[in-house]
C-alpha atoms as a PDB file:
ATOM      1  CA  MET A   1      42.299  21.962  48.990  1.00  0.00           C
ATOM      2  CA  GLU A   2      44.234  22.447  52.189  1.00  0.00           C
ATOM      3  CA  PRO A   3      47.052  19.968  52.897  1.00  0.00           C
ATOM      4  CA  GLY A   4      45.796  17.033  54.962  1.00  0.00           C
ATOM      5  CA  SER A   5      42.129  17.679  54.173  1.00  0.00           C
ATOM      6  CA  ARG A   6      39.693  15.183  52.644  1.00  0.00           C
ATOM      7  CA  ASN A   7      36.942  15.719  50.124  1.00  0.00           C
ATOM      8  CA  VAL A   8      34.722  13.734  47.768  1.00  0.00           C
ATOM      9  CA  ILE A   9      34.999  14.494  44.074  1.00  0.00           C
ATOM     10  CA  ALA A  10      31.996  13.660  41.885  1.00  0.00           C
ATOM     11  CA  VAL A  11      32.214  13.606  38.093  1.00  0.00           C
ATOM     12  CA  ASP A  12      29.268  13.460  35.696  1.00  0.00           C
ATOM     13  CA  TYR A  13      30.695  11.227  32.989  1.00  0.00           C
ATOM     14  CA  GLN A  14      28.789  10.005  29.926  1.00  0.00           C
ATOM     15  CA  PRO A  15      30.792   7.201  28.264  1.00  0.00           C
ATOM     16  CA  GLN A  16      31.038   7.255  24.482  1.00  0.00           C
ATOM     17  CA  HIS A  17      32.344   3.715  24.020  1.00  0.00           C
ATOM     18  CA  VAL A  18      32.657   0.360  25.753  1.00  0.00           C
ATOM     19  CA  GLY A  19      35.934  -0.738  27.273  1.00  0.00           C
ATOM     20  CA  LYS A  20      38.529   1.177  29.247  1.00  0.00           C
ATOM     21  CA  SER A  21      38.870   4.897  29.840  1.00  0.00           C
ATOM     22  CA  VAL A  22      41.708   6.460  31.829  1.00  0.00           C
ATOM     23  CA  PHE A  23      41.209   9.573  33.946  1.00  0.00           C
ATOM     24  CA  HIS A  24      44.102  11.701  35.171  1.00  0.00           C
ATOM     25  CA  VAL A  25      43.273  13.608  38.333  1.00  0.00           C
ATOM     26  CA  GLU A  26      45.448  16.385  39.751  1.00  0.00           C
ATOM     27  CA  ILE A  27      44.744  18.141  43.038  1.00  0.00           C
ATOM     28  CA  HIS A  28      46.450  21.461  43.626  1.00  0.00           C
ATOM     29  CA  CYS A  29      47.313  22.341  47.215  1.00  0.00           C
ATOM     30  CA  PRO A  30      49.015  25.755  47.228  1.00  0.00           C
ATOM     31  CA  ASP A  31      51.035  25.124  50.381  1.00  0.00           C
ATOM     32  CA  ASP A  32      52.126  21.581  49.487  1.00  0.00           C
ATOM     33  CA  ALA A  33      55.884  21.487  48.927  1.00  0.00           C
ATOM     34  CA  ASP A  34      55.680  18.249  46.902  1.00  0.00           C
ATOM     35  CA  GLN A  35      52.965  18.374  44.237  1.00  0.00           C
ATOM     36  CA  SER A  36      54.111  15.123  42.586  1.00  0.00           C
ATOM     37  CA  ASN A  37      52.096  12.927  44.957  1.00  0.00           C
ATOM     38  CA  ASN A  38      48.870  14.801  44.212  1.00  0.00           C
ATOM     39  CA  ARG A  39      48.283  13.009  40.915  1.00  0.00           C
ATOM     40  CA  LEU A  40      46.058   9.996  40.447  1.00  0.00           C
ATOM     41  CA  GLU A  41      45.351   7.788  37.437  1.00  0.00           C
ATOM     42  CA  LEU A  42      41.964   6.060  37.409  1.00  0.00           C
ATOM     43  CA  GLU A  43      40.914   3.231  35.100  1.00  0.00           C
ATOM     44  CA  VAL A  44      37.181   3.036  34.401  1.00  0.00           C
ATOM     45  CA  TYR A  45      35.472   0.345  32.333  1.00  0.00           C
ATOM     46  CA  GLN A  46      32.223   0.967  30.469  1.00  0.00           C
ATOM     47  CA  SER A  47      29.761  -1.678  29.311  1.00  0.00           C
ATOM     48  CA  ASP A  48      26.772  -1.446  26.990  1.00  0.00           C
ATOM     49  CA  ARG A  49      24.741  -3.776  29.207  1.00  0.00           C
ATOM     50  CA  GLU A  50      24.131  -4.415  32.884  1.00  0.00           C
ATOM     51  CA  LEU A  51      26.690  -6.792  34.378  1.00  0.00           C
ATOM     52  CA  TYR A  52      26.257  -8.748  37.599  1.00  0.00           C
ATOM     53  CA  PHE A  53      29.228  -9.696  39.770  1.00  0.00           C
ATOM     54  CA  LEU A  54      27.282 -11.013  42.719  1.00  0.00           C
ATOM     55  CA  TRP A  55      28.891 -12.250  45.938  1.00  0.00           C
ATOM     56  CA  TYR A  56      27.505 -14.223  48.845  1.00  0.00           C
ATOM     57  CA  GLY A  57      29.970 -13.095  51.487  1.00  0.00           C
ATOM     58  CA  GLU A  58      31.960 -10.033  52.552  1.00  0.00           C
ATOM     59  CA  VAL A  59      33.313  -7.982  49.640  1.00  0.00           C
ATOM     60  CA  SER A  60      34.770  -4.845  51.251  1.00  0.00           C
ATOM     61  CA  GLY A  61      37.652  -3.535  49.162  1.00  0.00           C
ATOM     62  CA  LEU A  62      36.720  -5.324  45.936  1.00  0.00           C
ATOM     63  CA  SER A  63      36.566  -2.960  42.969  1.00  0.00           C
ATOM     64  CA  TYR A  64      34.182  -4.829  40.669  1.00  0.00           C
ATOM     65  CA  ALA A  65      31.762  -6.587  43.035  1.00  0.00           C
ATOM     66  CA  ASN A  66      28.536  -4.705  42.299  1.00  0.00           C
ATOM     67  CA  TYR A  67      25.896  -6.924  43.920  1.00  0.00           C
ATOM     68  CA  GLY A  68      26.107  -8.632  47.294  1.00  0.00           C
ATOM     69  CA  GLU A  69      25.083  -8.873  50.920  1.00  0.00           C
ATOM     70  CA  VAL A  70      24.106  -5.896  53.004  1.00  0.00           C
ATOM     71  CA  HIS A  71      25.556  -5.930  56.522  1.00  0.00           C
ATOM     72  CA  CYS A  72      25.199  -3.476  59.340  1.00  0.00           C
ATOM     73  CA  GLY A  73      27.701  -0.749  58.576  1.00  0.00           C
ATOM     74  CA  ASN A  74      28.561  -1.584  54.960  1.00  0.00           C
ATOM     75  CA  LEU A  75      25.647   0.103  53.162  1.00  0.00           C
ATOM     76  CA  GLU A  76      27.553   3.350  52.661  1.00  0.00           C
ATOM     77  CA  ASP A  77      30.433   1.427  51.072  1.00  0.00           C
ATOM     78  CA  TRP A  78      28.010  -0.123  48.571  1.00  0.00           C
ATOM     79  CA  ARG A  79      26.581   3.279  47.687  1.00  0.00           C
ATOM     80  CA  ARG A  80      30.004   4.893  47.372  1.00  0.00           C
ATOM     81  CA  ARG A  81      31.072   2.251  44.859  1.00  0.00           C
ATOM     82  CA  GLY A  82      27.784   2.381  42.949  1.00  0.00           C
ATOM     83  CA  GLY A  83      26.910  -1.194  43.921  1.00  0.00           C
ATOM     84  CA  ARG A  84      23.592  -2.633  45.007  1.00  0.00           C
ATOM     85  CA  ALA A  85      23.333  -4.244  48.438  1.00  0.00           C
ATOM     86  CA  LEU A  86      20.880  -7.137  48.712  1.00  0.00           C
ATOM     87  CA  THR A  87      19.427  -8.522  51.913  1.00  0.00           C
ATOM     88  CA  VAL A  88      19.448 -12.321  52.220  1.00  0.00           C
ATOM     89  CA  VAL A  89      16.042 -13.938  52.723  1.00  0.00           C
ATOM     90  CA  GLY A  90      14.912 -17.518  53.100  1.00  0.00           C
ATOM     91  CA  ARG A  91      12.031 -19.507  51.698  1.00  0.00           C
ATOM     92  CA  GLY A  92       8.558 -19.249  53.118  1.00  0.00           C
ATOM     93  CA  GLY A  93       8.239 -15.499  53.562  1.00  0.00           C
ATOM     94  CA  THR A  94       5.432 -13.246  52.394  1.00  0.00           C
ATOM     95  CA  GLY A  95       5.596 -10.478  49.818  1.00  0.00           C
ATOM     96  CA  ASP A  96       5.111  -7.840  52.519  1.00  0.00           C
ATOM     97  CA  GLY A  97       7.623  -9.549  54.775  1.00  0.00           C
ATOM     98  CA  TYR A  98      10.288  -9.558  52.081  1.00  0.00           C
ATOM     99  CA  TYR A  99       9.754  -5.851  51.488  1.00  0.00           C
ATOM    100  CA  ARG A 100      10.029  -5.052  55.195  1.00  0.00           C
ATOM    101  CA  LYS A 101      13.371  -6.853  55.371  1.00  0.00           C
ATOM    102  CA  ILE A 102      14.669  -4.906  52.399  1.00  0.00           C
ATOM    103  CA  THR A 103      13.588  -1.495  53.662  1.00  0.00           C
ATOM    104  CA  ALA A 104      14.711  -2.193  57.237  1.00  0.00           C
ATOM    105  CA  CYS A 105      18.351  -2.108  56.152  1.00  0.00           C
ATOM    106  CA  GLY A 106      18.078   0.222  53.163  1.00  0.00           C
ATOM    107  CA  ALA A 107      18.934  -2.491  50.645  1.00  0.00           C
ATOM    108  CA  ALA A 108      18.240  -2.309  46.909  1.00  0.00           C
ATOM    109  CA  GLY A 109      16.609  -5.719  46.811  1.00  0.00           C
ATOM    110  CA  MET A 110      17.020  -9.278  48.001  1.00  0.00           C
ATOM    111  CA  GLN A 111      18.697 -12.571  47.247  1.00  0.00           C
ATOM    112  CA  LEU A 112      16.699 -15.652  48.151  1.00  0.00           C
ATOM    113  CA  ASP A 113      18.601 -18.657  49.460  1.00  0.00           C
ATOM    114  CA  GLU A 114      17.463 -20.961  47.888  1.00  0.00           C
ATOM    115  CA  LEU A 115      15.157 -22.959  45.564  1.00  0.00           C
ATOM    116  CA  GLY A 116      15.665 -26.056  43.459  1.00  0.00           C
ATOM    117  CA  GLY A 117      16.531 -29.556  44.577  1.00  0.00           C
ATOM    118  CA  THR A 118      13.769 -30.974  46.782  1.00  0.00           C
ATOM    119  CA  HIS A 119      12.157 -27.569  47.383  1.00  0.00           C
ATOM    120  CA  ARG A 120       8.850 -27.315  45.543  1.00  0.00           C
ATOM    121  CA  THR A 121       8.767 -24.101  43.543  1.00  0.00           C
ATOM    122  CA  GLU A 122       4.963 -23.921  43.521  1.00  0.00           C
ATOM    123  CA  GLU A 123       4.928 -23.544  47.314  1.00  0.00           C
ATOM    124  CA  PHE A 124       7.070 -20.397  47.310  1.00  0.00           C
ATOM    125  CA  LEU A 125       6.714 -18.668  43.943  1.00  0.00           C
ATOM    126  CA  PRO A 126       3.240 -17.115  44.511  1.00  0.00           C
ATOM    127  CA  GLU A 127       4.497 -14.859  47.338  1.00  0.00           C
ATOM    128  CA  LEU A 128       7.602 -14.008  45.354  1.00  0.00           C
ATOM    129  CA  HIS A 129       5.333 -13.076  42.441  1.00  0.00           C
ATOM    130  CA  ARG A 130       3.262 -10.841  44.717  1.00  0.00           C
ATOM    131  CA  PHE A 131       6.406  -9.186  46.036  1.00  0.00           C
ATOM    132  CA  LYS A 132       7.769  -8.375  42.579  1.00  0.00           C
ATOM    133  CA  GLN A 133       4.392  -7.181  41.293  1.00  0.00           C
ATOM    134  CA  ALA A 134       4.071  -4.747  44.203  1.00  0.00           C
ATOM    135  CA  HIS A 135       7.723  -3.632  44.189  1.00  0.00           C
ATOM    136  CA  PRO A 136       9.183  -3.912  40.674  1.00  0.00           C
ATOM    137  CA  GLU A 137      11.954  -1.472  41.630  1.00  0.00           C
ATOM    138  CA  CYS A 138      13.434  -4.019  44.067  1.00  0.00           C
ATOM    139  CA  PHE A 139      16.072  -6.300  42.598  1.00  0.00           C
ATOM    140  CA  PHE A 140      15.403 -10.021  43.061  1.00  0.00           C
ATOM    141  CA  ALA A 141      18.183 -12.608  42.728  1.00  0.00           C
ATOM    142  CA  LEU A 142      17.411 -16.297  43.249  1.00  0.00           C
ATOM    143  CA  TRP A 143      20.076 -18.783  44.276  1.00  0.00           C
ATOM    144  CA  HIS A 144      19.173 -22.128  42.703  1.00  0.00           C
ATOM    145  CA  ILE A 145      20.600 -25.448  43.879  1.00  0.00           C
ATOM    146  CA  GLY A 146      22.652 -27.006  41.079  1.00  0.00           C
ATOM    147  CA  GLY A 147      20.439 -28.594  38.486  1.00  0.00           C
ATOM    148  CA  GLN A 148      17.918 -27.445  35.954  1.00  0.00           C
ATOM    149  CA  PRO A 149      15.383 -24.793  37.016  1.00  0.00           C
ATOM    150  CA  ASP A 150      11.833 -26.045  36.573  1.00  0.00           C
ATOM    151  CA  PRO A 151       9.304 -24.517  34.118  1.00  0.00           C
ATOM    152  CA  LEU A 152       7.825 -22.211  36.782  1.00  0.00           C
ATOM    153  CA  ILE A 153      11.186 -20.576  37.422  1.00  0.00           C
ATOM    154  CA  LEU A 154      11.928 -20.332  33.701  1.00  0.00           C
ATOM    155  CA  ALA A 155       8.575 -18.617  33.136  1.00  0.00           C
ATOM    156  CA  ALA A 156       9.232 -16.154  35.975  1.00  0.00           C
ATOM    157  CA  GLN A 157      12.640 -15.347  34.473  1.00  0.00           C
ATOM    158  CA  ARG A 158      11.167 -14.658  31.050  1.00  0.00           C
ATOM    159  CA  LYS A 159       8.517 -12.362  32.568  1.00  0.00           C
ATOM    160  CA  GLY A 160      11.152 -10.436  34.515  1.00  0.00           C
ATOM    161  CA  GLU A 161       9.723 -11.482  37.892  1.00  0.00           C
ATOM    162  CA  ILE A 162      13.164 -12.864  38.754  1.00  0.00           C
ATOM    163  CA  ASP A 163      15.930 -10.478  37.740  1.00  0.00           C
ATOM    164  CA  ILE A 164      18.738 -13.028  37.950  1.00  0.00           C
ATOM    165  CA  VAL A 165      18.833 -16.765  38.667  1.00  0.00           C
ATOM    166  CA  ILE A 166      22.153 -17.887  40.126  1.00  0.00           C
ATOM    167  CA  LEU A 167      22.716 -21.496  39.139  1.00  0.00           C
ATOM    168  CA  GLU A 168      24.902 -22.969  41.886  1.00  0.00           C
ATOM    169  CA  LEU A 169      27.663 -25.173  40.483  1.00  0.00           C
ATOM    170  CA  TYR A 170      30.350 -25.427  43.145  1.00  0.00           C
ATOM    171  CA  LEU A 171      33.169 -27.554  41.755  1.00  0.00           C
ATOM    172  CA  ALA A 172      35.844 -28.757  44.159  1.00  0.00           C
ATOM    173  CA  ASN A 173      39.408 -28.699  42.827  1.00  0.00           C
ATOM    174  CA  ILE A 174      40.130 -32.428  42.614  1.00  0.00           C
ATOM    175  CA  PRO A 175      42.654 -33.019  39.795  1.00  0.00           C
ATOM    176  CA  GLU A 176      41.359 -36.416  38.654  1.00  0.00           C
ATOM    177  CA  LYS A 177      37.804 -35.050  38.401  1.00  0.00           C
ATOM    178  CA  ARG A 178      38.440 -31.674  36.767  1.00  0.00           C
ATOM    179  CA  ARG A 179      37.618 -32.771  33.224  1.00  0.00           C
ATOM    180  CA  GLU A 180      34.407 -34.474  34.294  1.00  0.00           C
ATOM    181  CA  ARG A 181      33.339 -31.430  36.303  1.00  0.00           C
ATOM    182  CA  LEU A 182      34.080 -28.990  33.501  1.00  0.00           C
ATOM    183  CA  GLU A 183      32.016 -31.173  31.173  1.00  0.00           C
ATOM    184  CA  ASN A 184      29.159 -31.018  33.675  1.00  0.00           C
ATOM    185  CA  LEU A 185      29.492 -27.226  33.827  1.00  0.00           C
ATOM    186  CA  ALA A 186      29.429 -27.075  30.020  1.00  0.00           C
ATOM    187  CA  GLU A 187      26.234 -29.142  29.904  1.00  0.00           C
ATOM    188  CA  LYS A 188      24.500 -26.806  32.370  1.00  0.00           C
ATOM    189  CA  ILE A 189      25.571 -23.713  30.427  1.00  0.00           C
ATOM    190  CA  LYS A 190      24.321 -25.184  27.144  1.00  0.00           C
ATOM    191  CA  TRP A 191      21.007 -26.079  28.803  1.00  0.00           C
ATOM    192  CA  VAL A 192      20.511 -22.479  29.944  1.00  0.00           C
ATOM    193  CA  VAL A 193      21.266 -21.188  26.433  1.00  0.00           C
ATOM    194  CA  ALA A 194      18.954 -23.738  24.809  1.00  0.00           C
ATOM    195  CA  HIS A 195      16.083 -22.647  27.083  1.00  0.00           C
ATOM    196  CA  GLY A 196      16.493 -18.995  26.158  1.00  0.00           C
ATOM    197  CA  VAL A 197      17.397 -17.512  29.540  1.00  0.00           C
ATOM    198  CA  PRO A 198      21.176 -16.846  29.472  1.00  0.00           C
ATOM    199  CA  GLU A 199      20.636 -13.078  29.791  1.00  0.00           C
ATOM    200  CA  ARG A 200      18.860 -13.643  33.120  1.00  0.00           C
ATOM    201  CA  THR A 201      21.164 -16.366  34.457  1.00  0.00           C
ATOM    202  CA  VAL A 202      24.634 -16.358  35.968  1.00  0.00           C
ATOM    203  CA  ILE A 203      26.629 -19.327  37.211  1.00  0.00           C
ATOM    204  CA  GLY A 204      27.418 -19.422  40.926  1.00  0.00           C
ATOM    205  CA  LEU A 205      30.975 -20.649  41.513  1.00  0.00           C
ATOM    206  CA  GLY A 206      32.521 -21.973  44.708  1.00  0.00           C
ATOM    207  CA  ALA A 207      35.079 -19.424  45.923  1.00  0.00           C
ATOM    208  CA  ARG A 208      34.788 -20.704  49.503  1.00  0.00           C
ATOM    209  CA  PHE A 209      37.840 -22.555  50.835  1.00  0.00           C
ATOM    210  CA  ASP A 210      35.986 -25.904  50.799  1.00  0.00           C
ATOM    211  CA  TYR A 211      36.223 -25.969  47.004  1.00  0.00           C
ATOM    212  CA  ALA A 212      39.996 -25.458  46.896  1.00  0.00           C
ATOM    213  CA  GLY A 213      40.528 -29.132  47.696  1.00  0.00           C
ATOM    214  CA  TRP A 214      43.958 -29.568  49.268  1.00  0.00           C
ATOM    215  CA  HIS A 215      45.364 -26.750  47.149  1.00  0.00           C
ATOM    216  CA  GLY A 216      46.420 -23.219  48.011  1.00  0.00           C
ATOM    217  CA  ALA A 217      45.001 -19.876  46.970  1.00  0.00           C
ATOM    218  CA  GLU A 218      46.834 -19.613  43.621  1.00  0.00           C
ATOM    219  CA  GLU A 219      45.640 -23.040  42.514  1.00  0.00           C
ATOM    220  CA  HIS A 220      42.086 -22.252  43.584  1.00  0.00           C
ATOM    221  CA  VAL A 221      42.095 -19.003  41.601  1.00  0.00           C
ATOM    222  CA  ALA A 222      43.433 -20.849  38.530  1.00  0.00           C
ATOM    223  CA  TRP A 223      40.629 -23.424  38.866  1.00  0.00           C
ATOM    224  CA  LEU A 224      38.002 -20.691  39.119  1.00  0.00           C
ATOM    225  CA  GLU A 225      39.529 -18.996  36.077  1.00  0.00           C
ATOM    226  CA  GLU A 226      39.105 -22.187  34.045  1.00  0.00           C
ATOM    227  CA  GLN A 227      35.412 -22.160  34.909  1.00  0.00           C
ATOM    228  CA  ILE A 228      34.963 -18.473  34.054  1.00  0.00           C
ATOM    229  CA  LYS A 229      36.740 -18.973  30.710  1.00  0.00           C
ATOM    230  CA  LEU A 230      34.342 -21.809  29.881  1.00  0.00           C
ATOM    231  CA  ILE A 231      31.327 -19.649  30.721  1.00  0.00           C
ATOM    232  CA  ARG A 232      32.581 -16.870  28.438  1.00  0.00           C
ATOM    233  CA  GLU A 233      33.341 -19.322  25.639  1.00  0.00           C
ATOM    234  CA  LEU A 234      29.968 -21.094  25.672  1.00  0.00           C
ATOM    235  CA  ALA A 235      27.645 -18.262  26.721  1.00  0.00           C
ATOM    236  CA  PRO A 236      29.109 -14.790  26.078  1.00  0.00           C
ATOM    237  CA  MET A 237      25.601 -13.385  26.519  1.00  0.00           C
ATOM    238  CA  MET A 238      25.571 -14.377  30.202  1.00  0.00           C
ATOM    239  CA  PRO A 239      25.833 -11.024  32.020  1.00  0.00           C
ATOM    240  CA  GLY A 240      28.241 -11.905  34.800  1.00  0.00           C
ATOM    241  CA  VAL A 241      29.090 -14.491  37.428  1.00  0.00           C
ATOM    242  CA  ALA A 242      28.363 -15.116  41.110  1.00  0.00           C
ATOM    243  CA  PHE A 243      30.496 -16.445  43.951  1.00  0.00           C
ATOM    244  CA  TYR A 244      29.741 -18.336  47.145  1.00  0.00           C
ATOM    245  CA  SER A 245      32.487 -16.777  49.223  1.00  0.00           C
ATOM    246  CA  THR A 246      31.622 -16.733  52.919  1.00  0.00           C
ATOM    247  CA  ASP A 247      35.096 -17.962  53.900  1.00  0.00           C
ATOM    248  CA  THR A 248      37.879 -17.881  51.314  1.00  0.00           C
ATOM    249  CA  LEU A 249      41.601 -18.534  51.342  1.00  0.00           C
ATOM    250  CA  PRO A 250      43.674 -15.330  51.710  1.00  0.00           C
ATOM    251  CA  GLY A 251      43.914 -13.409  48.456  1.00  0.00           C
ATOM    252  CA  VAL A 252      41.329 -15.431  46.531  1.00  0.00           C
ATOM    253  CA  LYS A 253      38.567 -12.814  46.534  1.00  0.00           C
ATOM    254  CA  GLU A 254      40.866 -10.035  45.343  1.00  0.00           C
ATOM    255  CA  LYS A 255      42.263 -12.109  42.473  1.00  0.00           C
ATOM    256  CA  VAL A 256      38.834 -13.378  41.435  1.00  0.00           C
ATOM    257  CA  ASP A 257      37.559  -9.795  41.453  1.00  0.00           C
ATOM    258  CA  LEU A 258      40.230  -8.995  38.850  1.00  0.00           C
ATOM    259  CA  LEU A 259      39.141 -12.020  36.806  1.00  0.00           C
ATOM    260  CA  CYS A 260      35.704 -10.409  36.521  1.00  0.00           C
ATOM    261  CA  ARG A 261      37.376  -7.380  34.981  1.00  0.00           C
ATOM    262  CA  LYS A 262      39.565  -9.476  32.692  1.00  0.00           C
ATOM    263  CA  TYR A 263      36.817 -11.657  31.225  1.00  0.00           C
ATOM    264  CA  PHE A 264      33.770  -9.379  31.281  1.00  0.00           C
ATOM    265  CA  LEU A 265      35.161  -5.850  30.910  1.00  0.00           C
ATOM    266  CA  GLU A 266      38.527  -5.960  29.171  1.00  0.00           C
ATOM    267  CA  ASN A 267      37.360  -8.344  26.423  1.00  0.00           C
ATOM    268  CA  GLN A 268      34.034  -6.738  25.570  1.00  0.00           C
ATOM    269  CA  SER A 269      34.743  -5.962  21.921  1.00  0.00           C
ATOM    270  CA  SER A 270      35.726  -9.537  21.071  1.00  0.00           C
ATOM    271  CA  ILE A 271      32.770 -10.911  23.022  1.00  0.00           C
ATOM    272  CA  SER A 272      30.279  -8.640  21.267  1.00  0.00           C
ATOM    273  CA  GLN A 273      31.631  -9.768  17.894  1.00  0.00           C
ATOM    274  CA  LYS A 274      30.917 -13.396  18.831  1.00  0.00           C
ATOM    275  CA  GLU A 275      27.378 -12.490  19.811  1.00  0.00           C
END
């Protein structure tokens, strides 16, 4: 390469194990007087299953966010990182309408915001079923208002008509209520496991600033880490975690991104032994 030039290097790599691999890259520029700054060390983590680190909000610059919103101008960033951009859709659409929204922006699928609560599943699921039947290649994530998904949603999960249900459990960082809220989170996780859908469910956590309480970024990250640790302890088969993150305190997204690596990628061997 000529000094000052840019190029994209592609490597066809077939991992032989789960966990971390380290790549050492050296670029030789014949006219470069200082070759020492032409070396790069890359850490790559392999998994033996699909993992979902799904964000509702901007994720530019995050290394491990692999599912999230498509915005005008960020599609190439998703592709470069090997992630899957999902267009956000609301309730009440048609199967054809959902597909048009996906293809209009070149997304890999959609995330529907949202079902559960007072929204009657039977009013919306037929069109979602038609969409997935016609376009099985499109990824479908469903944000579900905190609570227990009804039997129709559970059945759609088991059939693969919903790829991932994101169970929204946004817990504000209020010291006197932390224990109670972690117990509530534990109950929801155990319910998902008992109903046989942990492999198609992730917990949606509140990374938005509202859920930091009166605390700063470090305290908010520590609170989110407590929740992620509980998820890994009670349901190691859950394939990831999601974050509501439209407006976060400075530094929170970057630190939480590293928590995804710590708890889902670095500790794979110990997790698989528990399973």
